[in-house]
Amino acid sequence: MDTLTDLARQLGERLKPQAAQVATAESCTGGGIAEAITRIAGSSAWFEAGYVTYSNTQKTAQLDVPRELFAEVGAVSREVVEAMVRGACRHSGARFGVAVSGIAGPDGGSPEKPVGTVWLAWADGEQVHAQRRQFSGNRDQVRHATVQVALEGLIRLAAGENPQRG
């Protein structure tokens, strides 16, 4: 079993006894977190919804991300992923959520936000944790690493721990 499938299985093992649901709000991963979760037979018991909001327009339309945030801080920012995860949980009714927005490359980076920059946010009810990560590698590697960290954080969150890691 590959790493992402194993992590998704572990997440389900944490969520099922709690009768808790999870939702995802994804940009740079294009649905990769939801795809990993739905590899698991029976995930419909704990996976509520996945939002793939690649454009800023859809982040606003589907997840209620305030339009002005994009001009103020950019799509790859703490404020945007926090708004994304709140919107995903609010719209889906899920207790737990994760949101990601990043620059997977090979283009699109800047000195302030180089390729591989990813913001992640996890929510449990009203409590939201966000973290900026800098991943190395090509586009596929950045996306894979983002999905892995997102799932690892959800597992920790479902266990009552801080989802962020070093």
N, C-alpha and C. Protein backbone atom coordinates (compact mmCIF):
# COMPACT_ATOMS: atom_id res chain seq x y z
N MET A 1 0.86 -1.18 0.00
CA MET A 1 0.00 0.00 0.00
C MET A 1 0.90 1.24 0.00
N ASP A 2 0.59 2.22 -0.83
CA ASP A 2 1.43 3.41 -0.86
C ASP A 2 1.15 4.33 0.33
N THR A 3 2.02 5.29 0.52
CA THR A 3 1.98 6.17 1.68
C THR A 3 0.65 6.93 1.79
N LEU A 4 0.19 7.52 0.69
CA LEU A 4 -1.03 8.32 0.75
C LEU A 4 -2.25 7.45 1.07
N THR A 5 -2.31 6.27 0.49
CA THR A 5 -3.42 5.37 0.77
C THR A 5 -3.39 4.94 2.23
N ASP A 6 -2.21 4.66 2.74
CA ASP A 6 -2.08 4.27 4.15
C ASP A 6 -2.50 5.41 5.07
N LEU A 7 -2.09 6.63 4.75
CA LEU A 7 -2.49 7.79 5.56
C LEU A 7 -4.01 7.99 5.52
N ALA A 8 -4.61 7.85 4.35
CA ALA A 8 -6.06 7.99 4.24
C ALA A 8 -6.77 6.91 5.07
N ARG A 9 -6.24 5.69 5.04
CA ARG A 9 -6.81 4.62 5.86
C ARG A 9 -6.73 4.97 7.34
N GLN A 10 -5.58 5.47 7.77
CA GLN A 10 -5.40 5.88 9.17
C GLN A 10 -6.38 6.98 9.55
N LEU A 11 -6.60 7.93 8.64
CA LEU A 11 -7.55 9.01 8.90
C LEU A 11 -8.94 8.44 9.13
N GLY A 12 -9.35 7.53 8.28
CA GLY A 12 -10.65 6.90 8.45
C GLY A 12 -10.77 6.17 9.77
N GLU A 13 -9.70 5.52 10.20
CA GLU A 13 -9.71 4.80 11.47
C GLU A 13 -9.88 5.75 12.65
N ARG A 14 -9.42 6.98 12.49
CA ARG A 14 -9.59 8.00 13.54
C ARG A 14 -11.00 8.60 13.52
N LEU A 15 -11.53 8.83 12.32
CA LEU A 15 -12.80 9.54 12.19
C LEU A 15 -14.02 8.65 12.43
N LYS A 16 -13.98 7.41 11.98
CA LYS A 16 -15.16 6.54 12.09
C LYS A 16 -15.67 6.40 13.52
N PRO A 17 -14.81 6.13 14.51
CA PRO A 17 -15.32 5.99 15.88
C PRO A 17 -15.94 7.27 16.43
N GLN A 18 -15.53 8.43 15.87
CA GLN A 18 -16.07 9.72 16.31
C GLN A 18 -17.34 10.09 15.54
N ALA A 19 -17.67 9.29 14.53
CA ALA A 19 -18.78 9.61 13.62
C ALA A 19 -18.60 11.03 13.07
N ALA A 20 -17.35 11.36 12.76
CA ALA A 20 -17.01 12.70 12.29
C ALA A 20 -16.75 12.68 10.78
N GLN A 21 -17.06 13.80 10.17
CA GLN A 21 -16.87 13.98 8.73
C GLN A 21 -15.71 14.93 8.48
N VAL A 22 -15.10 14.79 7.29
CA VAL A 22 -14.03 15.68 6.86
C VAL A 22 -14.37 16.23 5.49
N ALA A 23 -13.93 17.47 5.25
CA ALA A 23 -14.07 18.11 3.94
C ALA A 23 -12.70 18.64 3.52
N THR A 24 -12.49 18.71 2.21
CA THR A 24 -11.24 19.24 1.69
C THR A 24 -11.53 20.45 0.80
N ALA A 25 -10.62 21.41 0.82
CA ALA A 25 -10.67 22.57 -0.05
C ALA A 25 -9.30 22.68 -0.70
N GLU A 26 -9.23 22.38 -1.99
CA GLU A 26 -7.93 22.23 -2.64
C GLU A 26 -7.76 23.18 -3.81
N SER A 27 -6.55 23.69 -3.92
CA SER A 27 -6.18 24.46 -5.09
C SER A 27 -5.03 23.74 -5.78
N CYS A 28 -3.81 23.87 -5.31
CA CYS A 28 -2.64 23.34 -6.01
C CYS A 28 -2.65 21.81 -6.15
N THR A 29 -3.37 21.11 -5.30
CA THR A 29 -3.42 19.64 -5.38
C THR A 29 -4.52 19.15 -6.30
N GLY A 30 -5.40 20.02 -6.76
CA GLY A 30 -6.39 19.68 -7.76
C GLY A 30 -7.28 18.50 -7.41
N GLY A 31 -7.56 18.29 -6.15
CA GLY A 31 -8.41 17.18 -5.74
C GLY A 31 -7.64 15.96 -5.27
N GLY A 32 -6.35 16.06 -5.18
CA GLY A 32 -5.51 14.92 -4.79
C GLY A 32 -5.78 14.41 -3.38
N ILE A 33 -6.12 15.30 -2.47
CA ILE A 33 -6.41 14.87 -1.09
C ILE A 33 -7.71 14.07 -1.09
N ALA A 34 -8.72 14.60 -1.75
CA ALA A 34 -10.00 13.90 -1.83
C ALA A 34 -9.84 12.56 -2.55
N GLU A 35 -9.03 12.53 -3.59
CA GLU A 35 -8.80 11.28 -4.33
C GLU A 35 -8.17 10.24 -3.43
N ALA A 36 -7.17 10.63 -2.65
CA ALA A 36 -6.51 9.68 -1.74
C ALA A 36 -7.51 9.14 -0.72
N ILE A 37 -8.34 10.03 -0.18
CA ILE A 37 -9.33 9.62 0.81
C ILE A 37 -10.33 8.63 0.22
N THR A 38 -10.79 8.92 -0.99
CA THR A 38 -11.84 8.07 -1.57
C THR A 38 -11.29 6.77 -2.16
N ARG A 39 -9.99 6.54 -2.08
CA ARG A 39 -9.43 5.22 -2.40
C ARG A 39 -9.88 4.19 -1.36
N ILE A 40 -10.23 4.68 -0.17
CA ILE A 40 -10.53 3.80 0.95
C ILE A 40 -11.99 3.37 0.88
N ALA A 41 -12.21 2.06 0.81
CA ALA A 41 -13.57 1.53 0.81
C ALA A 41 -14.26 1.95 2.10
N GLY A 42 -15.47 2.45 1.99
CA GLY A 42 -16.22 2.89 3.16
C GLY A 42 -15.95 4.33 3.56
N SER A 43 -15.15 5.04 2.77
CA SER A 43 -14.84 6.44 3.13
C SER A 43 -16.08 7.32 3.08
N SER A 44 -17.13 6.87 2.45
CA SER A 44 -18.36 7.67 2.43
C SER A 44 -18.93 7.85 3.84
N ALA A 45 -18.49 7.04 4.79
CA ALA A 45 -18.94 7.19 6.17
C ALA A 45 -18.30 8.39 6.86
N TRP A 46 -17.17 8.86 6.33
CA TRP A 46 -16.45 9.95 7.00
C TRP A 46 -15.93 11.04 6.08
N PHE A 47 -16.07 10.89 4.77
CA PHE A 47 -15.68 11.95 3.84
C PHE A 47 -16.94 12.63 3.34
N GLU A 48 -17.08 13.92 3.64
CA GLU A 48 -18.31 14.64 3.31
C GLU A 48 -18.25 15.32 1.95
N ALA A 49 -17.17 16.08 1.68
CA ALA A 49 -17.12 16.85 0.44
C ALA A 49 -15.70 17.27 0.12
N GLY A 50 -15.47 17.45 -1.17
CA GLY A 50 -14.20 17.98 -1.64
C GLY A 50 -14.46 19.14 -2.59
N TYR A 51 -13.81 20.25 -2.34
CA TYR A 51 -13.94 21.43 -3.19
C TYR A 51 -12.60 21.65 -3.89
N VAL A 52 -12.62 21.65 -5.21
CA VAL A 52 -11.43 21.99 -5.98
C VAL A 52 -11.67 23.37 -6.54
N THR A 53 -11.03 24.34 -5.92
CA THR A 53 -11.23 25.75 -6.28
C THR A 53 -9.89 26.29 -6.76
N TYR A 54 -9.62 26.02 -8.01
CA TYR A 54 -8.33 26.39 -8.57
C TYR A 54 -8.24 27.88 -8.82
N SER A 55 -9.33 28.50 -9.25
CA SER A 55 -9.31 29.94 -9.52
C SER A 55 -9.76 30.73 -8.29
N ASN A 56 -9.31 31.97 -8.23
CA ASN A 56 -9.73 32.85 -7.14
C ASN A 56 -11.24 33.06 -7.18
N THR A 57 -11.79 33.14 -8.39
CA THR A 57 -13.24 33.33 -8.54
C THR A 57 -13.99 32.20 -7.84
N GLN A 58 -13.54 30.98 -8.00
CA GLN A 58 -14.22 29.84 -7.38
C GLN A 58 -13.94 29.76 -5.88
N LYS A 59 -12.78 30.21 -5.45
CA LYS A 59 -12.53 30.26 -4.00
C LYS A 59 -13.57 31.17 -3.33
N THR A 60 -13.91 32.26 -4.00
CA THR A 60 -14.93 33.18 -3.49
C THR A 60 -16.32 32.58 -3.65
N ALA A 61 -16.64 32.08 -4.83
CA ALA A 61 -17.99 31.58 -5.11
C ALA A 61 -18.35 30.36 -4.28
N GLN A 62 -17.43 29.40 -4.15
CA GLN A 62 -17.75 28.15 -3.47
C GLN A 62 -17.43 28.15 -1.98
N LEU A 63 -16.42 28.95 -1.58
CA LEU A 63 -15.93 28.86 -0.20
C LEU A 63 -16.02 30.18 0.56
N ASP A 64 -16.57 31.21 -0.07
CA ASP A 64 -16.76 32.51 0.58
C ASP A 64 -15.45 33.20 0.97
N VAL A 65 -14.37 32.94 0.23
CA VAL A 65 -13.12 33.65 0.49
C VAL A 65 -13.34 35.10 0.05
N PRO A 66 -13.14 36.08 0.94
CA PRO A 66 -13.33 37.48 0.56
C PRO A 66 -12.44 37.88 -0.62
N ARG A 67 -13.05 38.46 -1.64
CA ARG A 67 -12.33 38.85 -2.86
C ARG A 67 -11.11 39.73 -2.57
N GLU A 68 -11.27 40.63 -1.61
CA GLU A 68 -10.19 41.59 -1.35
C GLU A 68 -8.91 40.93 -0.83
N LEU A 69 -9.04 39.72 -0.28
CA LEU A 69 -7.84 39.03 0.22
C LEU A 69 -6.83 38.76 -0.89
N PHE A 70 -7.30 38.47 -2.09
CA PHE A 70 -6.39 38.13 -3.18
C PHE A 70 -5.49 39.31 -3.52
N ALA A 71 -6.04 40.51 -3.52
CA ALA A 71 -5.23 41.71 -3.80
C ALA A 71 -4.33 42.04 -2.61
N GLU A 72 -4.84 41.79 -1.40
CA GLU A 72 -4.08 42.16 -0.19
C GLU A 72 -2.93 41.21 0.09
N VAL A 73 -3.18 39.90 0.04
CA VAL A 73 -2.17 38.93 0.48
C VAL A 73 -1.87 37.83 -0.54
N GLY A 74 -2.66 37.73 -1.61
CA GLY A 74 -2.45 36.69 -2.61
C GLY A 74 -3.16 35.41 -2.25
N ALA A 75 -3.36 34.57 -3.27
CA ALA A 75 -4.07 33.30 -3.08
C ALA A 75 -3.27 32.32 -2.23
N VAL A 76 -1.95 32.42 -2.28
CA VAL A 76 -1.09 31.53 -1.51
C VAL A 76 -0.71 32.27 -0.22
N SER A 77 -1.61 32.15 0.77
CA SER A 77 -1.44 32.90 2.02
C SER A 77 -2.21 32.24 3.15
N ARG A 78 -1.80 32.57 4.36
CA ARG A 78 -2.49 32.08 5.55
C ARG A 78 -3.96 32.48 5.53
N GLU A 79 -4.21 33.74 5.24
CA GLU A 79 -5.58 34.24 5.30
C GLU A 79 -6.50 33.52 4.32
N VAL A 80 -6.01 33.24 3.13
CA VAL A 80 -6.85 32.57 2.13
C VAL A 80 -7.12 31.12 2.51
N VAL A 81 -6.09 30.37 2.94
CA VAL A 81 -6.36 28.96 3.29
C VAL A 81 -7.23 28.86 4.53
N GLU A 82 -7.09 29.80 5.47
CA GLU A 82 -7.98 29.78 6.64
C GLU A 82 -9.43 30.03 6.21
N ALA A 83 -9.63 30.97 5.29
CA ALA A 83 -10.98 31.24 4.79
C ALA A 83 -11.51 30.04 4.00
N MET A 84 -10.64 29.39 3.22
CA MET A 84 -11.04 28.22 2.45
C MET A 84 -11.52 27.09 3.36
N VAL A 85 -10.75 26.80 4.39
CA VAL A 85 -11.13 25.67 5.26
C VAL A 85 -12.40 25.98 6.04
N ARG A 86 -12.54 27.23 6.47
CA ARG A 86 -13.78 27.61 7.16
C ARG A 86 -14.98 27.47 6.23
N GLY A 87 -14.82 27.93 4.99
CA GLY A 87 -15.90 27.82 4.01
C GLY A 87 -16.25 26.38 3.70
N ALA A 88 -15.25 25.53 3.56
CA ALA A 88 -15.51 24.12 3.25
C ALA A 88 -16.27 23.46 4.39
N CYS A 89 -15.89 23.72 5.62
CA CYS A 89 -16.58 23.13 6.77
C CYS A 89 -17.99 23.69 6.91
N ARG A 90 -18.14 24.99 6.72
CA ARG A 90 -19.45 25.62 6.84
C ARG A 90 -20.42 25.08 5.78
N HIS A 91 -19.97 25.03 4.53
CA HIS A 91 -20.85 24.60 3.45
C HIS A 91 -21.17 23.10 3.50
N SER A 92 -20.22 22.29 3.97
CA SER A 92 -20.42 20.84 3.97
C SER A 92 -21.02 20.33 5.27
N GLY A 93 -20.84 21.08 6.35
CA GLY A 93 -21.26 20.61 7.65
C GLY A 93 -20.26 19.66 8.31
N ALA A 94 -19.09 19.49 7.69
CA ALA A 94 -18.07 18.60 8.24
C ALA A 94 -17.43 19.22 9.48
N ARG A 95 -17.09 18.38 10.44
CA ARG A 95 -16.42 18.86 11.65
C ARG A 95 -14.96 19.21 11.35
N PHE A 96 -14.29 18.36 10.57
CA PHE A 96 -12.88 18.55 10.26
C PHE A 96 -12.72 19.01 8.82
N GLY A 97 -11.67 19.79 8.59
CA GLY A 97 -11.39 20.22 7.23
C GLY A 97 -9.92 20.51 7.03
N VAL A 98 -9.53 20.49 5.75
CA VAL A 98 -8.18 20.89 5.38
C VAL A 98 -8.28 21.70 4.10
N ALA A 99 -7.42 22.71 3.97
CA ALA A 99 -7.35 23.53 2.76
C ALA A 99 -5.89 23.71 2.38
N VAL A 100 -5.65 23.75 1.07
CA VAL A 100 -4.29 23.96 0.58
C VAL A 100 -4.30 24.92 -0.60
N SER A 101 -3.28 25.76 -0.65
CA SER A 101 -3.06 26.66 -1.78
C SER A 101 -1.57 26.86 -1.90
N GLY A 102 -1.04 26.66 -3.10
CA GLY A 102 0.40 26.76 -3.25
C GLY A 102 0.83 26.96 -4.68
N ILE A 103 2.14 26.99 -4.84
CA ILE A 103 2.77 27.17 -6.14
C ILE A 103 3.55 25.89 -6.44
N ALA A 104 2.93 25.01 -7.22
CA ALA A 104 3.53 23.71 -7.50
C ALA A 104 4.57 23.77 -8.61
N GLY A 105 4.54 24.82 -9.42
CA GLY A 105 5.55 24.99 -10.46
C GLY A 105 5.15 24.32 -11.76
N PRO A 106 6.01 24.35 -12.73
CA PRO A 106 7.37 24.87 -12.64
C PRO A 106 7.45 26.39 -12.67
N ASP A 107 6.35 27.07 -13.04
CA ASP A 107 6.34 28.53 -13.10
C ASP A 107 5.48 29.08 -11.97
N GLY A 108 5.43 30.41 -11.89
CA GLY A 108 4.52 31.06 -10.96
C GLY A 108 5.15 31.53 -9.66
N GLY A 109 6.38 31.18 -9.41
CA GLY A 109 7.03 31.59 -8.18
C GLY A 109 7.52 33.02 -8.23
N SER A 110 7.85 33.54 -7.05
CA SER A 110 8.42 34.88 -6.91
C SER A 110 9.45 34.82 -5.80
N PRO A 111 10.24 35.87 -5.61
CA PRO A 111 11.20 35.84 -4.50
C PRO A 111 10.52 35.65 -3.14
N GLU A 112 9.32 36.24 -2.96
CA GLU A 112 8.61 36.11 -1.68
C GLU A 112 7.93 34.76 -1.55
N LYS A 113 7.48 34.21 -2.68
CA LYS A 113 6.76 32.92 -2.69
C LYS A 113 7.34 32.08 -3.83
N PRO A 114 8.49 31.44 -3.57
CA PRO A 114 9.09 30.62 -4.63
C PRO A 114 8.29 29.36 -4.92
N VAL A 115 8.55 28.76 -6.06
CA VAL A 115 7.93 27.48 -6.40
C VAL A 115 8.15 26.52 -5.24
N GLY A 116 7.11 25.80 -4.87
CA GLY A 116 7.16 24.88 -3.74
C GLY A 116 6.56 25.46 -2.47
N THR A 117 6.21 26.75 -2.49
CA THR A 117 5.55 27.37 -1.34
C THR A 117 4.11 26.90 -1.27
N VAL A 118 3.71 26.39 -0.12
CA VAL A 118 2.34 25.91 0.07
C VAL A 118 1.86 26.35 1.44
N TRP A 119 0.65 26.88 1.48
CA TRP A 119 -0.02 27.14 2.76
C TRP A 119 -1.07 26.06 2.97
N LEU A 120 -1.13 25.52 4.18
CA LEU A 120 -2.12 24.53 4.56
C LEU A 120 -2.86 25.04 5.78
N ALA A 121 -4.15 24.72 5.87
CA ALA A 121 -4.93 25.05 7.06
C ALA A 121 -5.81 23.86 7.40
N TRP A 122 -5.92 23.59 8.69
CA TRP A 122 -6.75 22.51 9.20
C TRP A 122 -7.75 23.11 10.17
N ALA A 123 -8.97 22.58 10.17
CA ALA A 123 -10.00 23.09 11.07
C ALA A 123 -10.67 21.94 11.81
N ASP A 124 -10.98 22.22 13.07
CA ASP A 124 -11.80 21.35 13.91
C ASP A 124 -12.79 22.29 14.57
N GLY A 125 -14.00 22.34 14.02
CA GLY A 125 -14.96 23.31 14.52
C GLY A 125 -14.45 24.71 14.24
N GLU A 126 -14.43 25.54 15.27
CA GLU A 126 -13.99 26.92 15.10
C GLU A 126 -12.47 27.07 15.18
N GLN A 127 -11.79 26.05 15.63
CA GLN A 127 -10.33 26.12 15.78
C GLN A 127 -9.64 25.86 14.45
N VAL A 128 -8.80 26.81 14.01
CA VAL A 128 -8.09 26.69 12.74
C VAL A 128 -6.60 26.84 12.98
N HIS A 129 -5.83 25.95 12.37
CA HIS A 129 -4.37 25.99 12.41
C HIS A 129 -3.88 26.16 10.98
N ALA A 130 -2.88 27.00 10.76
CA ALA A 130 -2.33 27.17 9.42
C ALA A 130 -0.81 27.11 9.48
N GLN A 131 -0.24 26.68 8.38
CA GLN A 131 1.22 26.52 8.31
C GLN A 131 1.70 26.72 6.89
N ARG A 132 2.80 27.44 6.75
CA ARG A 132 3.46 27.59 5.46
C ARG A 132 4.57 26.54 5.37
N ARG A 133 4.61 25.86 4.24
CA ARG A 133 5.66 24.87 4.00
C ARG A 133 6.37 25.21 2.70
N GLN A 134 7.61 24.80 2.62
CA GLN A 134 8.40 24.98 1.40
C GLN A 134 8.87 23.59 0.95
N PHE A 135 8.27 23.08 -0.11
CA PHE A 135 8.60 21.75 -0.61
C PHE A 135 9.55 21.88 -1.79
N SER A 136 10.41 20.89 -1.94
CA SER A 136 11.34 20.89 -3.07
C SER A 136 10.89 19.83 -4.06
N GLY A 137 11.46 19.92 -5.25
CA GLY A 137 11.16 18.94 -6.28
C GLY A 137 10.34 19.52 -7.40
N ASN A 138 9.93 18.62 -8.30
CA ASN A 138 9.13 19.04 -9.45
C ASN A 138 7.66 19.17 -9.05
N ARG A 139 6.83 19.52 -10.00
CA ARG A 139 5.41 19.75 -9.74
C ARG A 139 4.75 18.55 -9.06
N ASP A 140 4.98 17.35 -9.59
CA ASP A 140 4.37 16.16 -9.00
C ASP A 140 4.84 15.94 -7.57
N GLN A 141 6.12 16.17 -7.32
CA GLN A 141 6.66 15.98 -5.97
C GLN A 141 6.09 17.00 -4.98
N VAL A 142 5.93 18.24 -5.41
CA VAL A 142 5.35 19.27 -4.54
C VAL A 142 3.90 18.91 -4.22
N ARG A 143 3.15 18.50 -5.22
CA ARG A 143 1.75 18.13 -5.00
C ARG A 143 1.64 16.90 -4.09
N HIS A 144 2.45 15.91 -4.32
CA HIS A 144 2.43 14.70 -3.49
C HIS A 144 2.76 15.04 -2.03
N ALA A 145 3.81 15.84 -1.83
CA ALA A 145 4.21 16.23 -0.48
C ALA A 145 3.09 17.02 0.21
N THR A 146 2.39 17.85 -0.54
CA THR A 146 1.29 18.63 0.02
C THR A 146 0.16 17.71 0.47
N VAL A 147 -0.22 16.76 -0.36
CA VAL A 147 -1.27 15.80 0.02
C VAL A 147 -0.85 15.03 1.26
N GLN A 148 0.41 14.60 1.31
CA GLN A 148 0.89 13.84 2.46
C GLN A 148 0.81 14.65 3.74
N VAL A 149 1.30 15.88 3.72
CA VAL A 149 1.28 16.72 4.92
C VAL A 149 -0.15 17.06 5.31
N ALA A 150 -1.02 17.27 4.33
CA ALA A 150 -2.43 17.56 4.63
C ALA A 150 -3.07 16.39 5.37
N LEU A 151 -2.84 15.17 4.89
CA LEU A 151 -3.42 13.98 5.53
C LEU A 151 -2.81 13.74 6.91
N GLU A 152 -1.50 13.90 7.02
CA GLU A 152 -0.85 13.73 8.33
C GLU A 152 -1.43 14.70 9.35
N GLY A 153 -1.65 15.95 8.92
CA GLY A 153 -2.23 16.94 9.82
C GLY A 153 -3.65 16.59 10.22
N LEU A 154 -4.44 16.08 9.28
CA LEU A 154 -5.81 15.67 9.62
C LEU A 154 -5.81 14.52 10.63
N ILE A 155 -4.89 13.58 10.48
CA ILE A 155 -4.80 12.47 11.43
C ILE A 155 -4.49 13.00 12.83
N ARG A 156 -3.52 13.90 12.91
CA ARG A 156 -3.17 14.48 14.23
C ARG A 156 -4.35 15.26 14.80
N LEU A 157 -5.02 16.03 13.97
CA LEU A 157 -6.16 16.83 14.42
C LEU A 157 -7.28 15.92 14.94
N ALA A 158 -7.57 14.84 14.22
CA ALA A 158 -8.62 13.90 14.64
C ALA A 158 -8.26 13.19 15.94
N ALA A 159 -6.95 13.16 16.24
CA ALA A 159 -6.48 12.56 17.49
C ALA A 159 -6.45 13.58 18.62
N GLY A 160 -6.88 14.81 18.35
CA GLY A 160 -6.88 15.86 19.35
C GLY A 160 -5.56 16.56 19.52
N GLU A 161 -4.67 16.41 18.53
CA GLU A 161 -3.35 17.00 18.60
C GLU A 161 -3.25 18.19 17.64
N ASN A 162 -2.18 18.96 17.78
CA ASN A 162 -1.91 20.07 16.86
C ASN A 162 -1.56 19.47 15.50
N PRO A 163 -2.22 19.89 14.43
CA PRO A 163 -1.97 19.29 13.13
C PRO A 163 -0.64 19.71 12.50
N GLN A 164 -0.05 20.78 12.99
CA GLN A 164 1.18 21.30 12.38
C GLN A 164 2.38 20.45 12.79
N ARG A 165 3.31 20.40 11.88
CA ARG A 165 4.56 19.73 12.23
C ARG A 165 5.70 20.62 11.83
N GLY A 166 6.82 20.45 12.55
CA GLY A 166 8.03 21.22 12.38
C GLY A 166 8.37 21.95 11.18
